[in-house]
Amino acid sequence: MQHELFEDVGIEVEYMNYDNSPYSQAFGSFDPFVTILDLLANLGPDANHHIKAATIPWRQIVALQFKNEK
């Protein structure tokens, strides 16, 4: 994605940063890399207490990726 092109026209690009707090899953140990449907299926109405997300500006994401590659 060419983030700068969005900035050039006044659009801020941010990514979602989800909290992967463990919750009880039906099969095996906790796997954070599943869809939101897994959370809803396993917790029902209590899923709201586990949905925590914040946005991160794209430059921070790129910096984190670059740092992790070293």
PDB file of N, CA and C in Angstrom:
ATOM      1  N   MET A   1       0.856  -1.169   0.000  1.00  0.00           N
ATOM      2  CA  MET A   1       0.000   0.000   0.000  1.00  0.00           C
ATOM      3  C   MET A   1       0.903   1.233   0.000  1.00  0.00           C
ATOM      4  N   GLN A   2       0.551   2.202  -0.781  1.00  0.00           N
ATOM      5  CA  GLN A   2       1.316   3.440  -0.849  1.00  0.00           C
ATOM      6  C   GLN A   2       0.653   4.480   0.061  1.00  0.00           C
ATOM      7  N   HIS A   3       1.020   4.419   1.330  1.00  0.00           N
ATOM      8  CA  HIS A   3       0.401   5.256   2.351  1.00  0.00           C
ATOM      9  C   HIS A   3       0.505   6.744   2.046  1.00  0.00           C
ATOM     10  N   GLU A   4       1.641   7.145   1.490  1.00  0.00           N
ATOM     11  CA  GLU A   4       1.861   8.562   1.220  1.00  0.00           C
ATOM     12  C   GLU A   4       0.832   9.132   0.250  1.00  0.00           C
ATOM     13  N   LEU A   5       0.363   8.328  -0.689  1.00  0.00           N
ATOM     14  CA  LEU A   5      -0.651   8.801  -1.641  1.00  0.00           C
ATOM     15  C   LEU A   5      -1.938   9.199  -0.914  1.00  0.00           C
ATOM     16  N   PHE A   6      -2.289   8.457   0.119  1.00  0.00           N
ATOM     17  CA  PHE A   6      -3.462   8.805   0.914  1.00  0.00           C
ATOM     18  C   PHE A   6      -3.221  10.098   1.676  1.00  0.00           C
ATOM     19  N   GLU A   7      -2.041  10.210   2.270  1.00  0.00           N
ATOM     20  CA  GLU A   7      -1.713  11.436   3.004  1.00  0.00           C
ATOM     21  C   GLU A   7      -1.730  12.662   2.101  1.00  0.00           C
ATOM     22  N   ASP A   8      -1.273  12.488   0.858  1.00  0.00           N
ATOM     23  CA  ASP A   8      -1.223  13.606  -0.085  1.00  0.00           C
ATOM     24  C   ASP A   8      -2.598  14.221  -0.332  1.00  0.00           C
ATOM     25  N   VAL A   9      -3.648  13.425  -0.170  1.00  0.00           N
ATOM     26  CA  VAL A   9      -5.005  13.947  -0.377  1.00  0.00           C
ATOM     27  C   VAL A   9      -5.763  14.116   0.940  1.00  0.00           C
ATOM     28  N   GLY A  10      -5.015  14.088   2.058  1.00  0.00           N
ATOM     29  CA  GLY A  10      -5.615  14.381   3.356  1.00  0.00           C
ATOM     30  C   GLY A  10      -6.296  13.219   4.052  1.00  0.00           C
ATOM     31  N   ILE A  11      -5.970  11.999   3.644  1.00  0.00           N
ATOM     32  CA  ILE A  11      -6.570  10.823   4.279  1.00  0.00           C
ATOM     33  C   ILE A  11      -5.549  10.186   5.208  1.00  0.00           C
ATOM     34  N   GLU A  12      -5.921  10.053   6.485  1.00  0.00           N
ATOM     35  CA  GLU A  12      -5.047   9.390   7.454  1.00  0.00           C
ATOM     36  C   GLU A  12      -5.243   7.884   7.359  1.00  0.00           C
ATOM     37  N   VAL A  13      -4.145   7.149   7.305  1.00  0.00           N
ATOM     38  CA  VAL A  13      -4.212   5.694   7.260  1.00  0.00           C
ATOM     39  C   VAL A  13      -3.800   5.165   8.621  1.00  0.00           C
ATOM     40  N   GLU A  14      -4.684   4.388   9.223  1.00  0.00           N
ATOM     41  CA  GLU A  14      -4.400   3.769  10.517  1.00  0.00           C
ATOM     42  C   GLU A  14      -4.789   2.300  10.452  1.00  0.00           C
ATOM     43  N   TYR A  15      -4.126   1.507  11.257  1.00  0.00           N
ATOM     44  CA  TYR A  15      -4.414   0.078  11.331  1.00  0.00           C
ATOM     45  C   TYR A  15      -5.001  -0.242  12.701  1.00  0.00           C
ATOM     46  N   MET A  16      -5.800  -1.281  12.741  1.00  0.00           N
ATOM     47  CA  MET A  16      -6.381  -1.725  14.003  1.00  0.00           C
ATOM     48  C   MET A  16      -5.360  -2.557  14.775  1.00  0.00           C
ATOM     49  N   ASN A  17      -5.278  -2.324  16.056  1.00  0.00           N
ATOM     50  CA  ASN A  17      -4.432  -3.102  16.942  1.00  0.00           C
ATOM     51  C   ASN A  17      -5.362  -3.771  17.946  1.00  0.00           C
ATOM     52  N   TYR A  18      -5.591  -5.057  17.760  1.00  0.00           N
ATOM     53  CA  TYR A  18      -6.530  -5.787  18.602  1.00  0.00           C
ATOM     54  C   TYR A  18      -5.829  -6.410  19.803  1.00  0.00           C
ATOM     55  N   ASP A  19      -6.527  -6.420  20.906  1.00  0.00           N
ATOM     56  CA  ASP A  19      -6.047  -7.087  22.108  1.00  0.00           C
ATOM     57  C   ASP A  19      -6.361  -8.576  21.971  1.00  0.00           C
ATOM     58  N   ASN A  20      -5.347  -9.398  22.066  1.00  0.00           N
ATOM     59  CA  ASN A  20      -5.527 -10.845  21.938  1.00  0.00           C
ATOM     60  C   ASN A  20      -5.527 -11.526  23.301  1.00  0.00           C
ATOM     61  N   SER A  21      -6.301 -11.004  24.237  1.00  0.00           N
ATOM     62  CA  SER A  21      -6.372 -11.605  25.566  1.00  0.00           C
ATOM     63  C   SER A  21      -6.982 -13.005  25.464  1.00  0.00           C
ATOM     64  N   PRO A  22      -6.375 -13.966  26.125  1.00  0.00           N
ATOM     65  CA  PRO A  22      -6.901 -15.337  26.081  1.00  0.00           C
ATOM     66  C   PRO A  22      -8.325 -15.439  26.621  1.00  0.00           C
ATOM     67  N   TYR A  23      -9.087 -16.308  26.012  1.00  0.00           N
ATOM     68  CA  TYR A  23     -10.427 -16.643  26.469  1.00  0.00           C
ATOM     69  C   TYR A  23     -10.618 -18.136  26.252  1.00  0.00           C
ATOM     70  N   SER A  24     -11.607 -18.694  26.862  1.00  0.00           N
ATOM     71  CA  SER A  24     -11.859 -20.125  26.773  1.00  0.00           C
ATOM     72  C   SER A  24     -12.373 -20.490  25.383  1.00  0.00           C
ATOM     73  N   GLN A  25     -11.628 -21.354  24.698  1.00  0.00           N
ATOM     74  CA  GLN A  25     -12.030 -21.836  23.383  1.00  0.00           C
ATOM     75  C   GLN A  25     -12.408 -23.308  23.489  1.00  0.00           C
ATOM     76  N   ALA A  26     -13.280 -23.740  22.618  1.00  0.00           N
ATOM     77  CA  ALA A  26     -13.834 -25.100  22.693  1.00  0.00           C
ATOM     78  C   ALA A  26     -12.801 -26.190  22.411  1.00  0.00           C
ATOM     79  N   PHE A  27     -11.831 -25.927  21.549  1.00  0.00           N
ATOM     80  CA  PHE A  27     -10.905 -26.982  21.132  1.00  0.00           C
ATOM     81  C   PHE A  27      -9.458 -26.567  21.350  1.00  0.00           C
ATOM     82  N   GLY A  28      -8.763 -27.265  22.216  1.00  0.00           N
ATOM     83  CA  GLY A  28      -7.336 -27.043  22.418  1.00  0.00           C
ATOM     84  C   GLY A  28      -7.002 -25.775  23.174  1.00  0.00           C
ATOM     85  N   SER A  29      -5.718 -25.418  23.095  1.00  0.00           N
ATOM     86  CA  SER A  29      -5.239 -24.228  23.794  1.00  0.00           C
ATOM     87  C   SER A  29      -5.627 -22.966  23.009  1.00  0.00           C
ATOM     88  N   PHE A  30      -5.488 -21.834  23.663  1.00  0.00           N
ATOM     89  CA  PHE A  30      -5.911 -20.562  23.073  1.00  0.00           C
ATOM     90  C   PHE A  30      -5.155 -20.276  21.784  1.00  0.00           C
ATOM     91  N   ASP A  31      -5.899 -19.924  20.758  1.00  0.00           N
ATOM     92  CA  ASP A  31      -5.338 -19.531  19.468  1.00  0.00           C
ATOM     93  C   ASP A  31      -5.838 -18.119  19.159  1.00  0.00           C
ATOM     94  N   PRO A  32      -4.952 -17.104  19.179  1.00  0.00           N
ATOM     95  CA  PRO A  32      -5.396 -15.734  18.945  1.00  0.00           C
ATOM     96  C   PRO A  32      -5.663 -15.430  17.467  1.00  0.00           C
ATOM     97  N   PHE A  33      -5.264 -16.332  16.575  1.00  0.00           N
ATOM     98  CA  PHE A  33      -5.358 -16.062  15.142  1.00  0.00           C
ATOM     99  C   PHE A  33      -6.594 -16.699  14.513  1.00  0.00           C
ATOM    100  N   VAL A  34      -7.744 -16.401  15.113  1.00  0.00           N
ATOM    101  CA  VAL A  34      -9.024 -16.874  14.592  1.00  0.00           C
ATOM    102  C   VAL A  34      -9.900 -15.648  14.340  1.00  0.00           C
ATOM    103  N   THR A  35     -11.039 -15.847  13.725  1.00  0.00           N
ATOM    104  CA  THR A  35     -11.920 -14.715  13.439  1.00  0.00           C
ATOM    105  C   THR A  35     -12.719 -14.323  14.683  1.00  0.00           C
ATOM    106  N   ILE A  36     -13.339 -13.179  14.587  1.00  0.00           N
ATOM    107  CA  ILE A  36     -14.207 -12.691  15.665  1.00  0.00           C
ATOM    108  C   ILE A  36     -15.354 -13.665  15.919  1.00  0.00           C
ATOM    109  N   LEU A  37     -15.703 -14.444  14.900  1.00  0.00           N
ATOM    110  CA  LEU A  37     -16.789 -15.419  15.061  1.00  0.00           C
ATOM    111  C   LEU A  37     -16.453 -16.447  16.133  1.00  0.00           C
ATOM    112  N   ASP A  38     -15.179 -16.797  16.262  1.00  0.00           N
ATOM    113  CA  ASP A  38     -14.780 -17.741  17.309  1.00  0.00           C
ATOM    114  C   ASP A  38     -15.047 -17.160  18.687  1.00  0.00           C
ATOM    115  N   LEU A  39     -14.696 -15.901  18.871  1.00  0.00           N
ATOM    116  CA  LEU A  39     -14.942 -15.232  20.149  1.00  0.00           C
ATOM    117  C   LEU A  39     -16.435 -15.198  20.453  1.00  0.00           C
ATOM    118  N   LEU A  40     -17.233 -14.836  19.469  1.00  0.00           N
ATOM    119  CA  LEU A  40     -18.679 -14.771  19.669  1.00  0.00           C
ATOM    120  C   LEU A  40     -19.273 -16.148  19.949  1.00  0.00           C
ATOM    121  N   ALA A  41     -18.809 -17.168  19.230  1.00  0.00           N
ATOM    122  CA  ALA A  41     -19.345 -18.514  19.420  1.00  0.00           C
ATOM    123  C   ALA A  41     -18.987 -19.073  20.796  1.00  0.00           C
ATOM    124  N   ASN A  42     -17.810 -18.738  21.289  1.00  0.00           N
ATOM    125  CA  ASN A  42     -17.364 -19.283  22.568  1.00  0.00           C
ATOM    126  C   ASN A  42     -17.853 -18.493  23.782  1.00  0.00           C
ATOM    127  N   LEU A  43     -18.041 -17.194  23.622  1.00  0.00           N
ATOM    128  CA  LEU A  43     -18.400 -16.366  24.782  1.00  0.00           C
ATOM    129  C   LEU A  43     -19.790 -15.751  24.719  1.00  0.00           C
ATOM    130  N   GLY A  44     -20.407 -15.760  23.555  1.00  0.00           N
ATOM    131  CA  GLY A  44     -21.738 -15.174  23.439  1.00  0.00           C
ATOM    132  C   GLY A  44     -21.744 -13.718  23.861  1.00  0.00           C
ATOM    133  N   PRO A  45     -22.720 -13.297  24.678  1.00  0.00           N
ATOM    134  CA  PRO A  45     -22.833 -11.890  25.081  1.00  0.00           C
ATOM    135  C   PRO A  45     -21.614 -11.366  25.841  1.00  0.00           C
ATOM    136  N   ASP A  46     -20.867 -12.259  26.490  1.00  0.00           N
ATOM    137  CA  ASP A  46     -19.675 -11.830  27.230  1.00  0.00           C
ATOM    138  C   ASP A  46     -18.514 -11.437  26.307  1.00  0.00           C
ATOM    139  N   ALA A  47     -18.658 -11.670  25.018  1.00  0.00           N
ATOM    140  CA  ALA A  47     -17.600 -11.321  24.060  1.00  0.00           C
ATOM    141  C   ALA A  47     -17.279  -9.832  24.098  1.00  0.00           C
ATOM    142  N   ASN A  48     -18.277  -9.000  24.396  1.00  0.00           N
ATOM    143  CA  ASN A  48     -18.044  -7.552  24.457  1.00  0.00           C
ATOM    144  C   ASN A  48     -16.930  -7.176  25.416  1.00  0.00           C
ATOM    145  N   HIS A  49     -16.757  -7.935  26.467  1.00  0.00           N
ATOM    146  CA  HIS A  49     -15.726  -7.632  27.466  1.00  0.00           C
ATOM    147  C   HIS A  49     -14.330  -7.945  26.961  1.00  0.00           C
ATOM    148  N   HIS A  50     -14.229  -8.681  25.880  1.00  0.00           N
ATOM    149  CA  HIS A  50     -12.926  -9.068  25.347  1.00  0.00           C
ATOM    150  C   HIS A  50     -12.552  -8.310  24.081  1.00  0.00           C
ATOM    151  N   ILE A  51     -13.450  -7.505  23.574  1.00  0.00           N
ATOM    152  CA  ILE A  51     -13.172  -6.770  22.342  1.00  0.00           C
ATOM    153  C   ILE A  51     -12.572  -5.422  22.720  1.00  0.00           C
ATOM    154  N   LYS A  52     -11.266  -5.332  22.573  1.00  0.00           N
ATOM    155  CA  LYS A  52     -10.546  -4.096  22.859  1.00  0.00           C
ATOM    156  C   LYS A  52      -9.642  -3.831  21.667  1.00  0.00           C
ATOM    157  N   ALA A  53      -9.823  -2.698  21.064  1.00  0.00           N
ATOM    158  CA  ALA A  53      -9.009  -2.362  19.907  1.00  0.00           C
ATOM    159  C   ALA A  53      -8.698  -0.883  19.911  1.00  0.00           C
ATOM    160  N   ALA A  54      -7.586  -0.555  19.318  1.00  0.00           N
ATOM    161  CA  ALA A  54      -7.181   0.833  19.153  1.00  0.00           C
ATOM    162  C   ALA A  54      -6.548   0.952  17.770  1.00  0.00           C
ATOM    163  N   THR A  55      -6.504   2.158  17.255  1.00  0.00           N
ATOM    164  CA  THR A  55      -5.858   2.351  15.966  1.00  0.00           C
ATOM    165  C   THR A  55      -4.429   2.832  16.165  1.00  0.00           C
ATOM    166  N   ILE A  56      -3.592   2.480  15.199  1.00  0.00           N
ATOM    167  CA  ILE A  56      -2.187   2.880  15.204  1.00  0.00           C
ATOM    168  C   ILE A  56      -1.883   3.521  13.847  1.00  0.00           C
ATOM    169  N   PRO A  57      -1.280   4.699  13.843  1.00  0.00           N
ATOM    170  CA  PRO A  57      -0.900   5.326  12.573  1.00  0.00           C
ATOM    171  C   PRO A  57       0.034   4.410  11.777  1.00  0.00           C
ATOM    172  N   TRP A  58      -0.090   4.459  10.468  1.00  0.00           N
ATOM    173  CA  TRP A  58       0.656   3.541   9.617  1.00  0.00           C
ATOM    174  C   TRP A  58       2.166   3.658   9.802  1.00  0.00           C
ATOM    175  N   ARG A  59       2.669   4.837  10.092  1.00  0.00           N
ATOM    176  CA  ARG A  59       4.120   4.997  10.267  1.00  0.00           C
ATOM    177  C   ARG A  59       4.630   4.178  11.458  1.00  0.00           C
ATOM    178  N   GLN A  60       3.828   4.076  12.511  1.00  0.00           N
ATOM    179  CA  GLN A  60       4.220   3.256  13.662  1.00  0.00           C
ATOM    180  C   GLN A  60       4.233   1.778  13.290  1.00  0.00           C
ATOM    181  N   ILE A  61       3.264   1.342  12.508  1.00  0.00           N
ATOM    182  CA  ILE A  61       3.220  -0.057  12.079  1.00  0.00           C
ATOM    183  C   ILE A  61       4.441  -0.391  11.242  1.00  0.00           C
ATOM    184  N   VAL A  62       4.774   0.483  10.299  1.00  0.00           N
ATOM    185  CA  VAL A  62       5.939   0.260   9.446  1.00  0.00           C
ATOM    186  C   VAL A  62       7.209   0.218  10.288  1.00  0.00           C
ATOM    187  N   ALA A  63       7.323   1.125  11.249  1.00  0.00           N
ATOM    188  CA  ALA A  63       8.505   1.142  12.121  1.00  0.00           C
ATOM    189  C   ALA A  63       8.614  -0.143  12.930  1.00  0.00           C
ATOM    190  N   LEU A  64       7.484  -0.641  13.436  1.00  0.00           N
ATOM    191  CA  LEU A  64       7.495  -1.891  14.198  1.00  0.00           C
ATOM    192  C   LEU A  64       7.893  -3.070  13.318  1.00  0.00           C
ATOM    193  N   GLN A  65       7.381  -3.111  12.109  1.00  0.00           N
ATOM    194  CA  GLN A  65       7.737  -4.194  11.194  1.00  0.00           C
ATOM    195  C   GLN A  65       9.217  -4.156  10.859  1.00  0.00           C
ATOM    196  N   PHE A  66       9.733  -2.971  10.612  1.00  0.00           N
ATOM    197  CA  PHE A  66      11.150  -2.809  10.286  1.00  0.00           C
ATOM    198  C   PHE A  66      12.014  -3.257  11.465  1.00  0.00           C
ATOM    199  N   LYS A  67      11.608  -2.870  12.672  1.00  0.00           N
ATOM    200  CA  LYS A  67      12.350  -3.231  13.883  1.00  0.00           C
ATOM    201  C   LYS A  67      12.348  -4.740  14.083  1.00  0.00           C
ATOM    202  N   ASN A  68      11.208  -5.401  13.824  1.00  0.00           N
ATOM    203  CA  ASN A  68      11.104  -6.848  14.003  1.00  0.00           C
ATOM    204  C   ASN A  68      11.873  -7.642  12.958  1.00  0.00           C
ATOM    205  N   GLU A  69      12.142  -7.043  11.806  1.00  0.00           N
ATOM    206  CA  GLU A  69      12.880  -7.723  10.753  1.00  0.00           C
ATOM    207  C   GLU A  69      14.361  -7.775  11.038  1.00  0.00           C
ATOM    208  N   LYS A  70      14.852  -6.899  11.894  1.00  0.00           N
ATOM    209  CA  LYS A  70      16.297  -6.863  12.204  1.00  0.00           C
ATOM    210  C   LYS A  70      16.691  -7.947  13.163  1.00  0.00           C
TER     211      LYS A  70
END
